[in-house]
Amino acid sequence: MVKREEIVHAANLIKIDLKDHEKYIEQVEKILNYFDILDNASAESESFVTQEMSLDKLRDDKYVPFDEKLITQLKNYKGTFVKAPKMI
């Protein structure tokens, strides 16, 4: 059971202002119940298919130098920073 004080404490720790703490109690309880289901799930009877591949079948990594500064190729940059859209 999640208590209101725990929701308020968690909100304070991550520095968010929650107006209605009660609405989040039910959501957090559902999340915790899902974790309980996952903790109790047994995968011992399941068989997992794996595909092994020898190292000689993998591609060779090759270094390809890039002569230009990548930041100058971006549309929205200022100095050494990339401008991202404002998040609401």
Protein backbone atom coordinates (compact mmCIF):
# COMPACT_ATOMS: atom_id res chain seq x y z
CA MET A 1 0.00 0.00 0.00
CA VAL A 2 1.41 3.36 -1.03
CA LYS A 3 0.87 6.23 1.34
CA ARG A 4 0.26 9.87 0.45
CA GLU A 5 3.41 10.87 2.37
CA GLU A 6 5.53 8.57 0.18
CA ILE A 7 4.20 10.20 -2.99
CA VAL A 8 4.83 13.68 -1.55
CA HIS A 9 8.34 12.65 -0.47
CA ALA A 10 9.15 11.19 -3.91
CA ALA A 11 7.82 14.34 -5.61
CA ASN A 12 10.02 16.49 -3.38
CA LEU A 13 13.08 14.35 -4.11
CA ILE A 14 12.70 14.74 -7.86
CA LYS A 15 11.70 18.39 -7.47
CA ILE A 16 8.27 18.31 -9.08
CA ASP A 17 5.18 20.04 -7.83
CA LEU A 18 2.17 17.74 -7.72
CA LYS A 19 -1.19 19.37 -7.17
CA ASP A 20 -3.21 16.18 -6.66
CA HIS A 21 -1.18 13.55 -4.84
CA GLU A 22 -4.14 11.22 -4.38
CA LYS A 23 -4.46 10.52 -8.10
CA TYR A 24 -0.89 9.18 -8.22
CA ILE A 25 -1.32 6.75 -5.33
CA GLU A 26 -3.45 4.38 -7.43
CA GLN A 27 -1.05 4.59 -10.39
CA VAL A 28 2.00 3.82 -8.23
CA GLU A 29 0.17 0.89 -6.61
CA LYS A 30 -0.58 -0.54 -10.08
CA ILE A 31 3.09 -0.21 -11.06
CA LEU A 32 4.20 -1.95 -7.86
CA ASN A 33 1.66 -4.73 -8.46
CA TYR A 34 3.12 -5.30 -11.93
CA PHE A 35 6.59 -5.59 -10.37
CA ASP A 36 5.22 -8.18 -7.93
CA ILE A 37 3.82 -10.18 -10.86
CA LEU A 38 7.19 -10.05 -12.63
CA ASP A 39 9.04 -11.05 -9.46
CA ASN A 40 6.80 -14.10 -9.04
CA ALA A 41 6.93 -15.15 -12.69
CA SER A 42 8.91 -18.28 -13.41
CA ALA A 43 10.84 -18.66 -16.62
CA GLU A 44 12.40 -22.00 -15.72
CA SER A 45 9.95 -23.97 -17.87
CA GLU A 46 10.49 -21.72 -20.89
CA SER A 47 13.04 -22.64 -23.52
CA PHE A 48 15.01 -19.79 -25.02
CA VAL A 49 16.29 -19.98 -28.56
CA THR A 50 19.71 -18.52 -29.11
CA GLN A 51 21.70 -18.28 -32.27
CA GLU A 52 25.45 -18.48 -31.96
CA MET A 53 27.68 -16.89 -34.55
CA SER A 54 31.39 -17.37 -34.95
CA LEU A 55 33.64 -14.35 -34.90
CA ASP A 56 34.83 -14.86 -38.48
CA LYS A 57 31.28 -14.24 -39.74
CA LEU A 58 31.12 -10.77 -38.17
CA ARG A 59 32.00 -7.72 -40.23
CA ASP A 60 35.28 -5.90 -39.74
CA ASP A 61 35.02 -2.52 -38.08
CA LYS A 62 36.72 0.15 -40.14
CA TYR A 63 37.63 3.64 -39.04
CA VAL A 64 36.44 6.23 -41.55
CA PRO A 65 37.69 9.73 -40.73
CA PHE A 66 35.32 12.67 -41.19
CA ASP A 67 37.15 15.83 -42.19
CA GLU A 68 34.45 18.40 -41.42
CA LYS A 69 33.16 19.42 -38.01
CA LEU A 70 29.89 17.58 -37.51
CA ILE A 71 28.34 20.42 -35.50
CA THR A 72 28.53 22.73 -38.52
CA GLN A 73 26.37 20.24 -40.44
CA LEU A 74 23.49 20.68 -37.99
CA LYS A 75 20.68 23.12 -38.71
CA ASN A 76 20.22 24.54 -35.21
CA TYR A 77 23.38 25.07 -33.25
CA LYS A 78 24.93 27.90 -31.30
CA GLY A 79 28.62 27.74 -30.49
CA THR A 80 29.26 24.20 -29.34
CA PHE A 81 25.64 23.55 -28.33
CA VAL A 82 22.79 22.05 -30.34
CA LYS A 83 19.44 23.82 -29.97
CA ALA A 84 16.60 21.41 -29.28
CA PRO A 85 12.88 22.15 -29.42
CA LYS A 86 11.38 23.53 -26.22
CA MET A 87 9.80 20.78 -24.17
CA ILE A 88 6.50 21.52 -22.50
